[in-house]
Amino acid sequence: MPTRRRLVFLSLVFIIFTAAVIARLFALQVLGHSYFRNLAENQHQLYKILVSIRGKIYIHGGKSGEEFSAIVINVQKDLVYAVPPEIEDKQKTAKALAPLLETTSSAVLDKISDEERKWVALKKQLSEEVSNNIKKLNLPGIYLQPEDFRFYPEKNLASQVLGFLAYTGDERVGQYGMESYYQDTLAGKSGSLSLEKDPSGGWITGGARKLEPAVDGSDIVLTINRAIQFKAESLLADAVTNNQADSGNIVVLDPKTGAVLAMANYPDFDPNLFNEVENQGVFRNLAVMEAYEPGSVFKPFTVAAALDAEVITPEETYEDTGSVLVNDRVIKNANEKVFGSQTMTQVLEQSINTGAVYIG
């Protein structure tokens, strides 16, 4: 009997041990499959996103007589990102990075805890000092990547025309203006590099390697003339301020081609500091995005048609009495002004309503 009991006991121990081994193998090979697969891949595979260079924006005229000047350029600063499966001590890493990234340890930990992700951005546009401090930490799984970001050297000049670049999730996308309208042209296309690496990080000759090159964005040149744009904005700012208006805009066209030489809006903003703007309505280009009652802007069409038909000359005069009867309606001038004897040129200069009726 004692021998039989020992056999039963040993059998139970063997069964329990075997069940434990099977349970452990199930946990490792089935439940933990994704984790260990990613861990293995990251030990011998490198995956890198190749960022395209965004195109520049130019306008006509420069500060010292150049034919063109860059009004939107790229400046390089570091992006810090994490490869979660490579991070050995996530708590320690989050605690070390939090003060440099000006956030909390828990916020960093949330981003670096997902083992399924091979790449996760932590913060963009780092200062040189912060980049150097992160390098000194030498944290496994934490990397710096040079990144171009948008810079507007002329600050407020043509701000509503240009728009700005901002992040939508992890992707930088043009917002408003040319940055938005020509997003695909300016942005180009990101690429990627995937290869097998040795323990030192070098490419294993003959190993798998897949390269999809990035396609840089194209530069664009606007018809805007820097000198005319600057003058239009200066005059507009004075007019809006002096008349205590809410806003204003000026559009200057080349009469021969229709090219936009200036498109000014006030109030404006600095695209470099768009995130500090309280009233986001200032981002809208009112010259093209706001409904506008034509009114006096059609007087030049009336005058042009009359000149083309040779029924008036620029020097022809008429007597303005301040009002004119058209059918059963009395048409008056703005603010009921009376101008007296006026030439057809002065009709345009003074925007005289009765003069437009006379020409019509």
Protein backbone atom coordinates (compact mmCIF):
# COMPACT_ATOMS: atom_id res chain seq x y z
CA MET A 1 0.00 0.00 0.00
CA PRO A 2 2.69 2.55 0.83
CA THR A 3 4.29 1.87 -2.54
CA ARG A 4 0.94 2.31 -4.30
CA ARG A 5 0.35 5.64 -2.53
CA ARG A 6 3.77 6.85 -3.60
CA LEU A 7 3.03 5.91 -7.21
CA VAL A 8 -0.30 7.77 -7.11
CA PHE A 9 1.38 10.81 -5.54
CA LEU A 10 4.18 10.82 -8.14
CA SER A 11 1.61 10.43 -10.91
CA LEU A 12 -0.36 13.43 -9.61
CA VAL A 13 2.84 15.51 -9.37
CA PHE A 14 3.76 14.50 -12.92
CA ILE A 15 0.27 15.36 -14.19
CA ILE A 16 0.29 18.75 -12.45
CA PHE A 17 3.80 19.51 -13.73
CA THR A 18 2.84 18.52 -17.27
CA ALA A 19 -0.32 20.66 -17.11
CA ALA A 20 1.73 23.62 -15.87
CA VAL A 21 4.23 23.23 -18.71
CA ILE A 22 1.41 22.99 -21.27
CA ALA A 23 -0.31 26.07 -19.79
CA ARG A 24 2.98 27.98 -19.90
CA LEU A 25 3.64 26.96 -23.50
CA PHE A 26 0.08 28.00 -24.43
CA ALA A 27 0.60 31.39 -22.78
CA LEU A 28 3.93 31.93 -24.57
CA GLN A 29 3.09 30.55 -27.99
CA VAL A 30 -0.57 31.52 -28.31
CA LEU A 31 -1.49 34.33 -25.94
CA GLY A 32 1.93 35.99 -26.14
CA HIS A 33 2.50 35.29 -29.83
CA SER A 34 2.22 38.91 -31.00
CA TYR A 35 4.49 40.22 -28.26
CA PHE A 36 7.31 37.76 -28.87
CA ARG A 37 6.96 38.02 -32.64
CA ASN A 38 7.38 41.81 -32.45
CA LEU A 39 10.24 41.41 -30.00
CA ALA A 40 12.03 39.04 -32.38
CA GLU A 41 11.38 41.27 -35.39
CA ASN A 42 12.72 44.33 -33.63
CA GLN A 43 15.88 42.47 -32.70
CA HIS A 44 16.77 41.81 -36.32
CA GLN A 45 14.57 44.15 -38.37
CA LEU A 46 14.71 47.90 -38.93
CA TYR A 47 11.72 49.88 -40.12
CA LYS A 48 12.01 53.58 -40.81
CA ILE A 49 9.64 56.13 -42.29
CA LEU A 50 11.34 58.32 -44.91
CA VAL A 51 9.81 61.78 -44.67
CA SER A 52 9.44 63.84 -47.84
CA ILE A 53 10.60 67.46 -47.92
CA ARG A 54 7.70 69.88 -48.31
CA GLY A 55 7.92 72.33 -51.20
CA LYS A 56 8.61 76.04 -50.65
CA ILE A 57 6.35 78.93 -51.62
CA TYR A 58 7.75 81.93 -53.50
CA ILE A 59 6.36 85.34 -54.42
CA HIS A 60 7.56 87.93 -56.91
CA GLY A 61 10.07 90.52 -55.73
CA GLY A 62 12.54 90.40 -52.86
CA LYS A 63 13.88 92.73 -50.22
CA SER A 64 16.78 93.86 -52.40
CA GLY A 65 15.41 93.61 -55.91
CA GLU A 66 15.47 89.83 -56.40
CA GLU A 67 13.08 88.37 -58.96
CA PHE A 68 11.56 86.00 -56.37
CA SER A 69 11.68 85.65 -52.60
CA ALA A 70 10.78 82.64 -50.46
CA ILE A 71 7.84 83.49 -48.24
CA VAL A 72 7.47 79.94 -46.85
CA ILE A 73 10.51 77.72 -46.13
CA ASN A 74 11.46 74.65 -44.07
CA VAL A 75 13.63 74.69 -40.93
CA GLN A 76 14.97 71.49 -39.38
CA LYS A 77 14.33 70.45 -35.76
CA ASP A 78 14.25 67.07 -34.02
CA LEU A 79 11.26 64.80 -33.45
CA VAL A 80 11.54 62.33 -30.54
CA TYR A 81 9.86 58.97 -31.06
CA ALA A 82 9.70 55.59 -29.36
CA VAL A 83 9.88 51.96 -30.46
CA PRO A 84 7.87 50.34 -27.58
CA PRO A 85 9.15 46.73 -27.94
CA GLU A 86 12.75 47.96 -27.51
CA ILE A 87 12.07 49.82 -24.25
CA GLU A 88 13.32 47.69 -21.35
CA ASP A 89 12.00 49.70 -18.38
CA LYS A 90 8.94 51.68 -19.44
CA GLN A 91 8.31 53.24 -16.01
CA LYS A 92 11.87 54.53 -15.77
CA THR A 93 11.82 55.76 -19.37
CA ALA A 94 8.54 57.66 -18.90
CA LYS A 95 9.79 59.26 -15.70
CA ALA A 96 13.04 60.40 -17.34
CA LEU A 97 11.36 61.86 -20.45
CA ALA A 98 8.35 63.57 -18.84
CA PRO A 99 10.11 66.76 -17.62
CA LEU A 100 11.96 67.18 -20.93
CA LEU A 101 8.75 66.81 -22.92
CA GLU A 102 6.85 69.08 -20.50
CA THR A 103 4.20 66.46 -19.75
CA THR A 104 3.39 63.82 -17.12
CA SER A 105 4.99 60.40 -16.68
CA SER A 106 1.60 58.72 -17.12
CA ALA A 107 1.05 60.48 -20.47
CA VAL A 108 4.40 59.23 -21.77
CA LEU A 109 3.78 55.76 -20.34
CA ASP A 110 0.45 55.50 -22.17
CA LYS A 111 2.21 56.13 -25.50
CA ILE A 112 5.11 53.72 -25.02
CA SER A 113 3.17 50.82 -23.47
CA ASP A 114 1.62 49.47 -26.67
CA GLU A 115 3.92 46.62 -27.78
CA GLU A 116 2.05 46.33 -31.07
CA ARG A 117 3.37 49.70 -32.26
CA LYS A 118 6.78 49.88 -33.88
CA TRP A 119 6.83 53.69 -33.98
CA VAL A 120 5.08 56.33 -31.89
CA ALA A 121 5.78 60.07 -31.91
CA LEU A 122 6.31 61.65 -28.49
CA LYS A 123 6.97 65.31 -29.33
CA LYS A 124 7.78 67.40 -32.36
CA GLN A 125 9.95 70.46 -32.96
CA LEU A 126 12.32 70.03 -30.03
CA SER A 127 14.70 72.80 -29.11
CA GLU A 128 18.40 72.06 -29.50
CA GLU A 129 18.81 71.97 -25.71
CA VAL A 130 16.05 69.37 -25.23
CA SER A 131 17.43 67.23 -28.06
CA ASN A 132 20.88 67.21 -26.46
CA ASN A 133 19.44 66.28 -23.04
CA ILE A 134 17.51 63.35 -24.55
CA LYS A 135 20.69 62.13 -26.26
CA LYS A 136 22.53 62.19 -22.93
CA LEU A 137 19.90 59.92 -21.34
CA ASN A 138 20.73 57.19 -23.90
CA LEU A 139 17.41 55.43 -23.33
CA PRO A 140 16.80 52.14 -25.20
CA GLY A 141 13.95 52.43 -27.68
CA ILE A 142 13.98 56.26 -27.71
CA TYR A 143 15.23 57.97 -30.87
CA LEU A 144 15.58 61.42 -32.39
CA GLN A 145 14.72 62.10 -36.00
CA PRO A 146 15.50 65.38 -37.81
CA GLU A 147 12.30 66.84 -39.15
CA ASP A 148 11.49 69.82 -41.33
CA PHE A 149 8.87 72.23 -40.06
CA ARG A 150 7.30 75.26 -41.67
CA PHE A 151 8.76 78.73 -41.15
CA TYR A 152 7.29 82.00 -42.40
CA PRO A 153 10.13 84.56 -42.53
CA GLU A 154 7.82 87.44 -43.50
CA LYS A 155 5.58 86.74 -40.48
CA ASN A 156 2.16 88.41 -41.05
CA LEU A 157 2.69 89.19 -44.74
CA ALA A 158 -0.05 87.52 -46.84
CA SER A 159 -0.89 85.27 -43.87
CA GLN A 160 -4.46 84.45 -44.97
CA VAL A 161 -3.25 83.77 -48.52
CA LEU A 162 -0.61 81.32 -47.30
CA GLY A 163 -2.35 79.53 -44.42
CA PHE A 164 -0.14 77.36 -42.21
CA LEU A 165 0.93 73.79 -41.47
CA ALA A 166 -0.45 71.95 -38.45
CA TYR A 167 -0.71 68.40 -37.14
CA THR A 168 -3.81 66.32 -37.68
CA GLY A 169 -3.03 63.29 -35.53
CA ASP A 170 0.55 62.31 -36.37
CA GLU A 171 0.46 63.90 -39.82
CA ARG A 172 1.26 67.48 -40.77
CA VAL A 173 -1.37 68.89 -43.11
CA GLY A 174 -1.86 72.32 -44.68
CA GLN A 175 -4.56 74.42 -43.07
CA TYR A 176 -6.24 77.29 -44.95
CA GLY A 177 -4.79 79.21 -47.90
CA MET A 178 -2.20 77.85 -50.31
CA GLU A 179 -0.90 75.35 -47.74
CA SER A 180 -4.30 73.64 -47.81
CA TYR A 181 -5.26 74.13 -51.47
CA TYR A 182 -1.93 72.80 -52.77
CA GLN A 183 -1.47 70.21 -49.99
CA ASP A 184 -0.78 67.29 -52.35
CA THR A 185 1.58 69.34 -54.56
CA LEU A 186 3.59 70.73 -51.65
CA ALA A 187 3.63 67.63 -49.44
CA GLY A 188 5.00 65.05 -51.85
CA LYS A 189 4.86 61.44 -50.63
CA SER A 190 6.52 59.73 -47.65
CA GLY A 191 8.57 56.57 -48.20
CA SER A 192 9.78 53.71 -46.03
CA LEU A 193 12.82 51.49 -45.45
CA SER A 194 12.62 47.96 -44.07
CA LEU A 195 15.66 45.70 -43.71
CA GLU A 196 17.23 42.93 -41.63
CA LYS A 197 19.99 44.15 -39.33
CA ASP A 198 22.83 42.52 -37.39
CA PRO A 199 23.43 43.04 -33.63
CA SER A 200 25.39 46.23 -34.37
CA GLY A 201 22.47 47.69 -36.34
CA GLY A 202 24.05 47.28 -39.78
CA TRP A 203 22.29 45.78 -42.79
CA ILE A 204 22.82 42.04 -43.21
CA THR A 205 24.21 41.59 -46.72
CA GLY A 206 21.81 39.46 -48.68
CA GLY A 207 19.09 39.90 -46.10
CA ALA A 208 15.60 41.17 -46.86
CA ARG A 209 15.56 44.84 -47.77
CA LYS A 210 12.61 46.88 -49.01
CA LEU A 211 13.01 50.54 -49.96
CA GLU A 212 10.24 52.87 -51.07
CA PRO A 213 11.90 56.27 -51.68
CA ALA A 214 10.20 59.45 -50.51
CA VAL A 215 9.03 61.85 -53.21
CA ASP A 216 9.71 65.48 -52.24
CA GLY A 217 7.02 68.09 -52.71
CA SER A 218 7.14 70.69 -55.47
CA ASP A 219 7.82 74.41 -54.99
CA ILE A 220 5.14 76.86 -56.13
CA VAL A 221 5.42 80.50 -57.19
CA LEU A 222 2.50 82.84 -56.53
CA THR A 223 1.66 85.89 -58.64
CA ILE A 224 1.70 87.98 -55.45
CA ASN A 225 4.17 90.89 -55.65
CA ARG A 226 5.92 91.51 -52.35
CA ALA A 227 6.07 95.32 -52.63
CA ILE A 228 2.42 95.66 -53.69
CA GLN A 229 1.29 93.19 -51.02
CA PHE A 230 3.19 95.07 -48.31
CA LYS A 231 1.75 98.43 -49.40
CA ALA A 232 -1.80 97.07 -49.63
CA GLU A 233 -1.59 95.61 -46.13
CA SER A 234 -0.19 98.87 -44.68
CA LEU A 235 -2.95 100.99 -46.26
CA LEU A 236 -5.62 98.49 -45.23
CA ALA A 237 -4.47 98.37 -41.61
CA ASP A 238 -4.59 102.17 -41.41
CA ALA A 239 -8.03 102.34 -43.06
CA VAL A 240 -9.58 99.69 -40.79
CA THR A 241 -8.07 101.29 -37.68
CA ASN A 242 -8.99 104.88 -38.62
CA ASN A 243 -12.57 103.96 -39.53
CA GLN A 244 -12.97 101.60 -36.54
CA ALA A 245 -14.11 98.83 -38.88
CA ASP A 246 -14.25 95.16 -37.87
CA SER A 247 -12.22 94.01 -40.86
CA GLY A 248 -11.28 94.81 -44.42
CA ASN A 249 -9.64 93.39 -47.52
CA ILE A 250 -7.95 94.60 -50.68
CA VAL A 251 -7.39 92.69 -53.91
CA VAL A 252 -5.03 94.10 -56.56
CA LEU A 253 -5.21 92.53 -60.04
CA ASP A 254 -3.11 92.91 -63.16
CA PRO A 255 -5.71 94.37 -65.60
CA LYS A 256 -4.03 92.70 -68.59
CA THR A 257 -3.82 89.14 -67.24
CA GLY A 258 -6.07 89.00 -64.16
CA ALA A 259 -3.09 87.85 -62.05
CA VAL A 260 -3.51 88.58 -58.32
CA LEU A 261 -0.72 90.99 -57.39
CA ALA A 262 -1.89 91.47 -53.80
CA MET A 263 -4.60 90.06 -51.56
CA ALA A 264 -4.62 91.76 -48.17
CA ASN A 265 -6.80 91.03 -45.15
CA TYR A 266 -6.99 92.81 -41.80
CA PRO A 267 -6.83 91.78 -39.01
CA ASP A 268 -4.08 89.29 -39.90
CA PHE A 269 -1.87 86.88 -37.92
CA ASP A 270 1.62 85.36 -37.76
CA PRO A 271 1.51 81.78 -39.18
CA ASN A 272 4.55 80.92 -37.03
CA LEU A 273 2.37 81.52 -33.95
CA PHE A 274 -1.01 80.35 -35.24
CA ASN A 275 -1.57 78.31 -32.07
CA GLU A 276 -1.56 81.54 -30.02
CA VAL A 277 -4.42 83.09 -32.01
CA GLU A 278 -7.57 83.40 -29.89
CA ASN A 279 -10.07 84.16 -32.66
CA GLN A 280 -9.64 81.46 -35.30
CA GLY A 281 -11.91 83.38 -37.64
CA VAL A 282 -8.85 85.47 -38.52
CA PHE A 283 -7.46 82.44 -40.43
CA ARG A 284 -10.13 82.83 -43.14
CA ASN A 285 -9.28 84.74 -46.30
CA LEU A 286 -12.36 86.98 -46.43
CA ALA A 287 -11.53 88.12 -49.97
CA VAL A 288 -12.42 84.66 -51.31
CA MET A 289 -14.25 82.90 -48.46
CA GLU A 290 -16.87 85.46 -47.47
CA ALA A 291 -20.10 86.31 -49.32
CA TYR A 292 -19.83 89.89 -50.63
CA GLU A 293 -22.52 92.08 -52.19
CA PRO A 294 -21.02 93.33 -55.50
CA GLY A 295 -22.37 96.91 -55.39
CA SER A 296 -19.86 99.49 -56.59
CA VAL A 297 -17.33 96.92 -57.82
CA PHE A 298 -19.50 96.59 -60.94
CA LYS A 299 -19.14 100.29 -61.87
CA PRO A 300 -15.84 99.57 -63.71
CA PHE A 301 -17.69 96.99 -65.87
CA THR A 302 -20.35 99.54 -66.74
CA VAL A 303 -17.72 102.17 -67.64
CA ALA A 304 -15.64 99.62 -69.60
CA ALA A 305 -18.69 98.55 -71.64
CA ALA A 306 -19.57 102.18 -72.42
CA LEU A 307 -15.98 102.99 -73.46
CA ASP A 308 -15.87 99.87 -75.63
CA ALA A 309 -19.15 100.90 -77.31
CA GLU A 310 -17.70 104.45 -77.76
CA VAL A 311 -20.76 106.10 -76.18
CA ILE A 312 -18.62 108.04 -73.65
CA THR A 313 -15.07 109.36 -73.33
CA PRO A 314 -13.03 109.62 -70.09
CA GLU A 315 -13.27 113.45 -70.21
CA GLU A 316 -17.02 113.65 -70.90
CA THR A 317 -18.91 115.46 -68.13
CA TYR A 318 -22.39 115.34 -66.66
CA GLU A 319 -24.15 117.29 -63.91
CA ASP A 320 -24.74 115.34 -60.70
CA THR A 321 -27.71 116.55 -58.62
CA GLY A 322 -27.40 113.81 -56.01
CA SER A 323 -30.32 111.69 -57.23
CA VAL A 324 -31.96 110.38 -60.40
CA LEU A 325 -35.36 108.84 -61.09
CA VAL A 326 -35.28 105.38 -62.70
CA ASN A 327 -38.81 104.20 -63.49
CA ASP A 328 -40.52 104.48 -60.10
CA ARG A 329 -37.33 104.40 -57.98
CA VAL A 330 -35.10 107.27 -56.84
CA ILE A 331 -31.38 106.36 -56.96
CA LYS A 332 -29.16 108.44 -54.66
CA ASN A 333 -25.44 108.67 -53.99
CA ALA A 334 -23.87 107.20 -50.86
CA ASN A 335 -24.48 109.47 -47.86
CA GLU A 336 -26.71 111.54 -50.20
CA LYS A 337 -23.70 113.49 -51.53
CA VAL A 338 -24.04 115.94 -54.44
CA PHE A 339 -20.92 116.18 -56.64
CA GLY A 340 -21.97 118.68 -59.32
CA SER A 341 -20.12 118.60 -62.65
CA GLN A 342 -18.09 115.38 -62.95
CA THR A 343 -16.12 113.60 -65.65
CA MET A 344 -16.55 109.90 -66.41
CA THR A 345 -13.15 109.31 -64.76
CA GLN A 346 -14.38 111.01 -61.59
CA VAL A 347 -17.47 108.79 -61.59
CA LEU A 348 -15.13 105.87 -60.96
CA GLU A 349 -12.88 107.78 -58.56
CA GLN A 350 -15.83 108.92 -56.39
CA SER A 351 -17.95 105.78 -57.00
CA ILE A 352 -20.94 107.98 -57.92
CA ASN A 353 -24.19 106.02 -58.19
CA THR A 354 -26.00 108.57 -60.35
CA GLY A 355 -22.99 108.70 -62.67
CA ALA A 356 -23.23 104.94 -63.22
CA VAL A 357 -26.95 105.38 -64.06
CA TYR A 358 -26.07 108.14 -66.53
CA ILE A 359 -23.48 105.92 -68.25
CA GLY A 360 -25.85 102.94 -68.26
